[in-house]
Every structure is written in C-alpha cells, then in structure tokens.
Amino acid sequence: MEILKMLGQILLLVLGFVFMIKGADVFVDGASKIAVKCNIPEMVVGLTIVAMGTSAPEAAVSIKAALSPAGAGITVGNVLGSNIINILVILGVTALIAALPIKKNTLRIDIPFVIVASIMILCMGYFDGVLSRLEGVIFYVVFIGFLVYLIISAKNGNSESDSIELTEKDKTPRLILFIIIGLALVVVGSNFTVNAASYIAGKLGMTERLIGLTIVAFGTSLPELVTSCTAAKKGQTDIAIGNIVGSNIFNILFVAGTTMLITPVQFEQNFLLDGIMAIVAAVLLWVCSVRKKKLTRPGGIVMLAVYAVYFAYIMYKNYM
C-alpha cells in the first residue's frame, strides 16, 4: 500500500511539472499576443512577459512552498538549485551540442549582474538567517532597474527577441482565455509539485533543501532546458545563453523577491554552500566564455563535471 502511495505521489510530481510547463507556455503565448495587440513593442514583450513566463514554474513553486509549513527549504532550494542547474547542466549540455557565442553586452553586463544578484541573496539570507519583506523590496527595486536597462537596451537595438505573429484565430477573448487557463495550470501544477515533493522527501529521508535543489529545481528548469537545446539544434545559439542568463536574473530578483514580499523566508545555514555554488556557476560561465567570446565543448564538460561533484557532495551529506 505504501509503495502504491509513493508511486501516486511520483505521478503527481510529474503531472505538476507538465501542468506548470504547459501552463507557462500557454500564458506566455496569450499574454505576448495581447501585448502586441496593445501596440507594446515586441522587443519589450520578449524581454519582460516571455522572460517572466519561463520563470513562472519557479515562482509558483516558491510562493506555494513558502506559504506551506516547513516549506522554506523548497523555496530557497528551488531558486538556487534552478540557477545552478541552468548554468552548469543546461548550458553544459547545450555546449556539447554546439558552441554558444556570447554577445559583448552579455559578458560585460548580464553575467556580472547574475553574479551580483547571487551575492545579494546569499549575503541577505546568511547573515540574519531570514529573507525579509524589506529585502524583498530591495530585490524588486533592483529588478525594476534591470527591466529599465533591458528596455533601454532593446530600444537601442542591443537585444533580440523572437517575432510574434498574429493570426486570424488570435481574437482578444480567446487570448484572455489562454492567459487564465495558463495561470490556472501553473497554480494547480505548483500545488501538485510542492505537496508531492514534500511527501517524497520525507519518505526517502531527503531534506526539503535537497529536494528543492535537485528534483524540484530540475523540474522547474525544464522549459529552459527544452528552449536552449532546441535553439542549439536549430543553430540559434545566441538564444540559449540569453535564455539562461535572463532566467537566472528573474529567478533571484523576481521569484525570490515576490516570495519575500508575501512572507519572510527562512534561510538555513546549509544554504551557504548552495549560494556559493550559484556564484561559482556564474563566474565559471564568464571564465569559460570571456576569452573566445563563446562557450565551447571543453567549457561545457568542465561545467558538467563541477555539477557532478557538487551533486555527489550534497547527496553524501544528506545521507551520511
């Protein structure tokens, strides 16, 4: 009977991921086209709505976890874990498929911004053991500043976005329905994911922190994985780097910031290692890319090797 219950929870976990990923996709499609209908520049749409949409699973899971008993481990672990996986695993795998050119602005501004944001969440959480509402306000102020930079950069022609095409089927009521359905799927999926992940964590002897860093983080990073690998296969390699770097910034400033504004989040001492690893991942991306202005296969191998060591260590510490 216990085995059947565990299998049922695993099924709910997978179903939660599917709901969140599909919901985020439907939401982004509807919201983007509504914005274009309202004459909002496509560039701005791509850099705001689409970027936030890919972070919707992380946001939904983090907020749901923060509001649940003993859910802080999943909240912080999801944000840090997703950012670590995004760089070391997703870009590592993508670099094995094709070399990833990195634009000058990304090396000079975007990646260093990820490093700064990672240092912010580590320092704010570690020194007093909590990510407070006031610190959430600070995250939002920095987030708004980043959005302003993106919009100015877009208007100056320093960024790119995919073309958003409208068809005869894209009537406003239909698009609004898409937005509602997309948000509903993300919310329902996050409920399935957090509840199932918490159950599995308890039964397998995994801490909330560990399951947030691994299973939940990987599941919520699936949209970035699919986007990056598909872009690399199609030769659209510039999309892969921008997708991950932008997602990591949104995860910390928007996802963590929103969660902190809703409720203060406890920051375990064990998250010191994970915060440092998030910083190391961003620095490693910059180091592996700065000389040739691209992330090549050797760099991807190094990044995957670093994640393998980190993963082995946190698993060892959990069960020893």
Protein backbone atom coordinates (compact mmCIF):
# COMPACT_ATOMS: atom_id res chain seq x y z
CA MET A 1 0.00 0.00 0.00
CA GLU A 2 2.86 2.36 0.87
CA ILE A 3 4.52 1.63 -2.48
CA LEU A 4 1.31 2.49 -4.34
CA LYS A 5 1.05 5.76 -2.42
CA MET A 6 4.67 6.62 -3.29
CA LEU A 7 4.04 5.83 -6.98
CA GLY A 8 0.93 8.03 -6.83
CA GLN A 9 2.96 10.93 -5.41
CA ILE A 10 5.65 10.50 -8.08
CA LEU A 11 2.89 10.60 -10.71
CA LEU A 12 1.50 13.79 -9.15
CA LEU A 13 5.02 15.30 -9.15
CA VAL A 14 5.43 14.59 -12.88
CA LEU A 15 1.88 15.81 -13.57
CA GLY A 16 2.66 19.00 -11.65
CA PHE A 17 5.72 19.66 -13.83
CA VAL A 18 3.70 19.03 -17.00
CA PHE A 19 0.92 21.39 -15.86
CA MET A 20 3.40 24.15 -14.96
CA ILE A 21 5.41 23.89 -18.19
CA LYS A 22 2.32 23.77 -20.42
CA GLY A 23 0.62 26.48 -18.38
CA ALA A 24 3.63 28.79 -18.66
CA ASP A 25 3.75 28.19 -22.42
CA VAL A 26 0.02 28.95 -22.87
CA PHE A 27 0.25 32.01 -20.61
CA VAL A 28 3.26 33.43 -22.47
CA ASP A 29 1.59 32.88 -25.85
CA GLY A 30 -1.64 34.60 -24.81
CA ALA A 31 -0.01 37.46 -22.88
CA SER A 32 2.54 38.17 -25.61
CA LYS A 33 -0.09 38.43 -28.33
CA ILE A 34 -2.36 40.59 -26.16
CA ALA A 35 0.60 42.93 -25.59
CA VAL A 36 1.31 43.13 -29.32
CA LYS A 37 -2.37 43.91 -29.95
CA CYS A 38 -1.98 46.79 -27.48
CA ASN A 39 0.97 48.08 -29.56
CA ILE A 40 3.59 47.24 -26.95
CA PRO A 41 6.89 46.72 -28.84
CA GLU A 42 7.72 43.07 -29.45
CA MET A 43 11.20 43.61 -28.07
CA VAL A 44 9.81 44.74 -24.72
CA VAL A 45 7.32 41.85 -24.72
CA GLY A 46 10.10 39.33 -25.26
CA LEU A 47 12.27 40.79 -22.53
CA THR A 48 9.51 41.03 -19.92
CA ILE A 49 6.44 38.80 -20.38
CA VAL A 50 8.26 35.93 -22.08
CA ALA A 51 11.17 36.04 -19.64
CA MET A 52 8.82 36.09 -16.65
CA GLY A 53 6.79 33.30 -18.22
CA THR A 54 9.77 30.94 -18.30
CA SER A 55 10.26 31.70 -14.59
CA ALA A 56 6.57 31.09 -13.79
CA PRO A 57 7.12 27.48 -12.58
CA GLU A 58 9.85 28.62 -10.17
CA ALA A 59 7.65 31.47 -8.93
CA ALA A 60 4.59 29.28 -8.39
CA VAL A 61 6.52 26.57 -6.56
CA SER A 62 8.49 29.02 -4.40
CA ILE A 63 5.43 31.01 -3.31
CA LYS A 64 3.38 27.86 -2.63
CA ALA A 65 6.25 26.31 -0.65
CA ALA A 66 6.87 29.48 1.38
CA LEU A 67 3.23 29.53 2.45
CA SER A 68 3.25 25.86 3.47
CA PRO A 69 4.61 24.51 6.80
CA ALA A 70 8.38 23.88 6.69
CA GLY A 71 8.45 24.84 3.01
CA ALA A 72 11.35 27.30 3.15
CA GLY A 73 13.79 24.59 2.13
CA ILE A 74 11.97 24.08 -1.15
CA THR A 75 11.57 27.84 -1.68
CA VAL A 76 15.25 28.80 -1.41
CA GLY A 77 16.48 25.47 -2.75
CA ASN A 78 14.31 25.86 -5.85
CA VAL A 79 15.71 29.31 -6.70
CA LEU A 80 19.37 28.47 -6.01
CA GLY A 81 19.06 24.96 -7.44
CA SER A 82 17.41 26.17 -10.65
CA ASN A 83 20.14 28.76 -11.20
CA ILE A 84 22.91 26.21 -10.60
CA ILE A 85 21.26 23.68 -12.92
CA ASN A 86 20.51 26.35 -15.55
CA ILE A 87 24.19 27.21 -15.93
CA LEU A 88 26.16 24.08 -15.10
CA VAL A 89 23.78 21.45 -16.52
CA ILE A 90 21.64 23.12 -19.19
CA LEU A 91 24.38 25.29 -20.70
CA GLY A 92 26.85 22.44 -20.18
CA VAL A 93 24.66 20.05 -22.19
CA THR A 94 23.82 22.72 -24.78
CA ALA A 95 27.54 23.49 -25.30
CA LEU A 96 28.08 19.81 -26.15
CA ILE A 97 25.57 20.21 -28.99
CA ALA A 98 27.00 23.44 -30.40
CA ALA A 99 29.39 26.24 -29.42
CA LEU A 100 27.45 29.11 -27.89
CA PRO A 101 28.54 32.61 -28.96
CA ILE A 102 28.12 35.21 -26.23
CA LYS A 103 27.46 38.86 -27.01
CA LYS A 104 29.67 41.59 -25.60
CA ASN A 105 26.86 43.09 -23.52
CA THR A 106 26.13 39.69 -22.00
CA LEU A 107 29.75 39.27 -20.90
CA ARG A 108 30.12 42.86 -19.70
CA ILE A 109 26.74 43.38 -18.03
CA ASP A 110 24.32 40.43 -17.88
CA ILE A 111 26.58 37.68 -16.47
CA PRO A 112 28.20 40.03 -13.90
CA PHE A 113 24.63 41.05 -12.95
CA VAL A 114 23.82 37.38 -12.26
CA ILE A 115 26.92 37.21 -10.03
CA VAL A 116 25.87 40.36 -8.11
CA ALA A 117 22.27 39.09 -7.67
CA SER A 118 23.59 35.74 -6.41
CA ILE A 119 25.84 37.50 -3.89
CA MET A 120 22.85 39.60 -2.76
CA ILE A 121 20.61 36.64 -1.91
CA LEU A 122 23.48 34.80 -0.19
CA CYS A 123 24.53 37.74 1.99
CA MET A 124 20.99 38.85 2.87
CA GLY A 125 19.95 35.36 3.86
CA TYR A 126 23.09 34.07 5.56
CA PHE A 127 23.88 36.88 7.99
CA ASP A 128 20.49 37.06 9.73
CA GLY A 129 19.01 33.70 8.73
CA VAL A 130 15.94 35.16 7.01
CA LEU A 131 14.99 36.79 3.73
CA SER A 132 12.68 39.57 4.95
CA ARG A 133 10.00 41.68 3.29
CA LEU A 134 12.31 44.70 3.37
CA GLU A 135 14.94 42.73 1.47
CA GLY A 136 12.18 41.68 -0.92
CA VAL A 137 11.54 45.38 -1.59
CA ILE A 138 15.26 45.84 -2.30
CA PHE A 139 15.15 42.91 -4.75
CA TYR A 140 12.17 44.48 -6.51
CA VAL A 141 13.90 47.87 -6.79
CA VAL A 142 16.93 46.19 -8.37
CA PHE A 143 14.59 44.12 -10.56
CA ILE A 144 12.82 47.24 -11.84
CA GLY A 145 16.22 48.81 -12.53
CA PHE A 146 17.16 45.74 -14.55
CA LEU A 147 13.91 45.94 -16.54
CA VAL A 148 14.64 49.60 -17.33
CA TYR A 149 18.09 48.58 -18.56
CA LEU A 150 16.53 45.84 -20.75
CA ILE A 151 14.02 48.22 -22.29
CA ILE A 152 16.66 50.90 -22.98
CA SER A 153 18.95 48.23 -24.42
CA ALA A 154 16.12 46.95 -26.61
CA LYS A 155 15.30 50.42 -27.93
CA ASN A 156 18.98 50.93 -28.77
CA GLY A 157 18.95 47.70 -30.75
CA ASN A 158 21.27 45.81 -28.41
CA SER A 159 18.87 42.92 -27.77
CA GLU A 160 16.90 40.48 -29.86
CA SER A 161 13.59 38.73 -29.49
CA ASP A 162 11.60 36.22 -31.46
CA SER A 163 9.00 37.57 -33.87
CA ILE A 164 5.44 37.32 -32.51
CA GLU A 165 3.00 36.66 -35.33
CA LEU A 166 -0.73 37.22 -35.02
CA THR A 167 -3.25 35.09 -36.96
CA GLU A 168 -7.00 35.36 -37.58
CA LYS A 169 -7.59 32.96 -34.67
CA ASP A 170 -5.92 35.33 -32.21
CA LYS A 171 -9.05 37.16 -31.09
CA THR A 172 -8.79 39.06 -27.80
CA PRO A 173 -11.36 36.92 -25.86
CA ARG A 174 -9.53 33.75 -26.95
CA LEU A 175 -6.16 35.15 -25.85
CA ILE A 176 -7.59 36.23 -22.46
CA LEU A 177 -8.92 32.69 -22.02
CA PHE A 178 -5.40 31.37 -22.78
CA ILE A 179 -3.95 33.62 -20.08
CA ILE A 180 -6.50 32.40 -17.50
CA ILE A 181 -6.00 28.74 -18.41
CA GLY A 182 -2.22 29.14 -18.38
CA LEU A 183 -2.20 30.72 -14.92
CA ALA A 184 -4.61 28.08 -13.61
CA LEU A 185 -2.39 25.26 -14.88
CA VAL A 186 0.69 26.84 -13.27
CA VAL A 187 -1.10 27.23 -9.90
CA VAL A 188 -2.55 23.70 -9.92
CA GLY A 189 0.79 22.28 -11.07
CA SER A 190 2.66 24.06 -8.29
CA ASN A 191 0.27 22.59 -5.71
CA PHE A 192 0.85 19.07 -7.05
CA THR A 193 4.61 19.62 -7.18
CA VAL A 194 5.12 21.02 -3.66
CA ASN A 195 2.82 18.53 -1.95
CA ALA A 196 4.26 15.53 -3.79
CA ALA A 197 7.86 16.71 -3.38
CA SER A 198 7.39 17.20 0.37
CA TYR A 199 5.92 13.70 0.74
CA ILE A 200 8.70 12.08 -1.30
CA ALA A 201 11.36 13.99 0.60
CA GLY A 202 10.09 12.65 3.91
CA LYS A 203 9.81 9.07 2.74
CA LEU A 204 13.26 8.99 1.11
CA GLY A 205 14.98 10.71 4.00
CA MET A 206 15.73 13.75 1.86
CA THR A 207 15.62 17.20 3.41
CA GLU A 208 13.33 19.89 1.95
CA ARG A 209 16.54 21.70 0.97
CA LEU A 210 17.88 18.74 -1.01
CA ILE A 211 14.68 18.00 -2.89
CA GLY A 212 14.34 21.71 -3.69
CA LEU A 213 17.91 21.78 -5.01
CA THR A 214 17.51 18.67 -7.15
CA ILE A 215 14.11 17.26 -8.16
CA VAL A 216 12.06 20.46 -7.94
CA ALA A 217 14.85 22.64 -9.36
CA PHE A 218 15.34 20.35 -12.33
CA GLY A 219 11.60 20.09 -12.98
CA THR A 220 11.07 23.85 -12.95
CA SER A 221 14.12 24.29 -15.20
CA LEU A 222 12.70 22.02 -17.93
CA PRO A 223 11.37 24.97 -20.01
CA GLU A 224 14.89 26.46 -20.13
CA LEU A 225 16.40 23.05 -20.98
CA VAL A 226 13.99 22.45 -23.86
CA THR A 227 14.37 26.02 -25.17
CA SER A 228 18.17 26.02 -25.04
CA CYS A 229 18.71 22.57 -26.58
CA THR A 230 16.14 23.23 -29.33
CA ALA A 231 17.76 26.59 -30.12
CA ALA A 232 21.21 24.97 -30.31
CA LYS A 233 19.98 22.24 -32.66
CA LYS A 234 18.43 24.90 -34.92
CA GLY A 235 21.63 26.92 -34.91
CA GLN A 236 20.00 29.75 -32.93
CA THR A 237 22.80 29.53 -30.36
CA ASP A 238 22.53 33.13 -29.15
CA ILE A 239 19.07 32.38 -27.78
CA ALA A 240 20.42 29.65 -25.49
CA ILE A 241 22.74 31.91 -23.47
CA GLY A 242 20.27 34.80 -23.26
CA ASN A 243 17.50 32.44 -22.16
CA ILE A 244 19.54 31.07 -19.25
CA VAL A 245 21.17 34.33 -18.11
CA GLY A 246 17.84 36.17 -18.20
CA SER A 247 16.08 33.33 -16.39
CA ASN A 248 18.66 33.31 -13.58
CA ILE A 249 18.27 37.05 -13.01
CA PHE A 250 14.48 36.73 -12.97
CA ASN A 251 14.65 33.74 -10.59
CA ILE A 252 16.55 35.69 -7.94
CA LEU A 253 15.11 39.18 -8.27
CA PHE A 254 11.53 38.40 -9.35
CA VAL A 255 10.82 34.91 -7.97
CA ALA A 256 12.69 35.25 -4.66
CA GLY A 257 11.69 38.91 -4.36
CA THR A 258 7.98 38.15 -4.86
CA THR A 259 8.11 35.29 -2.36
CA MET A 260 9.83 37.52 0.23
CA LEU A 261 7.22 40.27 -0.22
CA ILE A 262 4.45 37.76 0.50
CA THR A 263 6.11 36.15 3.51
CA PRO A 264 9.57 36.20 5.13
CA VAL A 265 11.57 33.11 4.14
CA GLN A 266 13.92 31.26 6.48
CA PHE A 267 17.46 30.81 5.14
CA GLU A 268 19.13 27.67 6.51
CA GLN A 269 22.85 27.74 7.28
CA ASN A 270 23.25 24.82 4.85
CA PHE A 271 22.28 27.16 2.01
CA LEU A 272 25.69 28.83 2.37
CA LEU A 273 27.21 26.11 0.17
CA ASP A 274 24.41 26.37 -2.40
CA GLY A 275 24.63 30.16 -2.53
CA ILE A 276 28.39 29.95 -3.06
CA MET A 277 27.85 27.32 -5.79
CA ALA A 278 25.35 29.62 -7.57
CA ILE A 279 28.02 32.35 -7.59
CA VAL A 280 30.71 29.87 -8.72
CA ALA A 281 28.48 28.70 -11.59
CA ALA A 282 28.02 32.25 -12.90
CA VAL A 283 31.74 33.05 -12.51
CA LEU A 284 32.64 29.78 -14.26
CA LEU A 285 30.36 30.68 -17.18
CA TRP A 286 32.13 34.03 -17.51
CA VAL A 287 35.63 32.49 -17.22
CA CYS A 288 34.87 29.75 -19.77
CA SER A 289 33.47 32.28 -22.25
CA VAL A 290 35.38 35.55 -21.91
CA ARG A 291 38.49 34.69 -23.97
CA LYS A 292 36.82 33.32 -27.11
CA LYS A 293 33.50 35.15 -26.60
CA LYS A 294 31.73 31.78 -26.71
CA LEU A 295 31.07 28.73 -24.58
CA THR A 296 32.68 25.73 -26.28
CA ARG A 297 32.52 21.97 -25.68
CA PRO A 298 35.51 21.86 -23.25
CA GLY A 299 33.82 24.57 -21.17
CA GLY A 300 30.59 22.57 -21.18
CA ILE A 301 32.43 19.46 -19.99
CA VAL A 302 34.05 21.41 -17.14
CA MET A 303 30.69 22.80 -16.07
CA LEU A 304 29.02 19.36 -16.09
CA ALA A 305 31.96 17.93 -14.10
CA VAL A 306 31.65 20.69 -11.48
CA TYR A 307 27.92 19.98 -11.11
CA ALA A 308 28.58 16.24 -10.79
CA VAL A 309 30.98 16.88 -7.89
CA TYR A 310 28.53 19.28 -6.22
CA PHE A 311 25.61 16.86 -6.65
CA ALA A 312 27.62 13.95 -5.25
CA TYR A 313 28.63 16.05 -2.25
CA ILE A 314 25.13 17.22 -1.29
CA MET A 315 23.79 13.66 -1.68
CA TYR A 316 26.62 12.35 0.51
CA LYS A 317 26.00 14.98 3.19
CA ASN A 318 22.25 14.24 3.18
CA TYR A 319 22.60 10.53 3.82
CA MET A 320 25.74 10.43 5.98
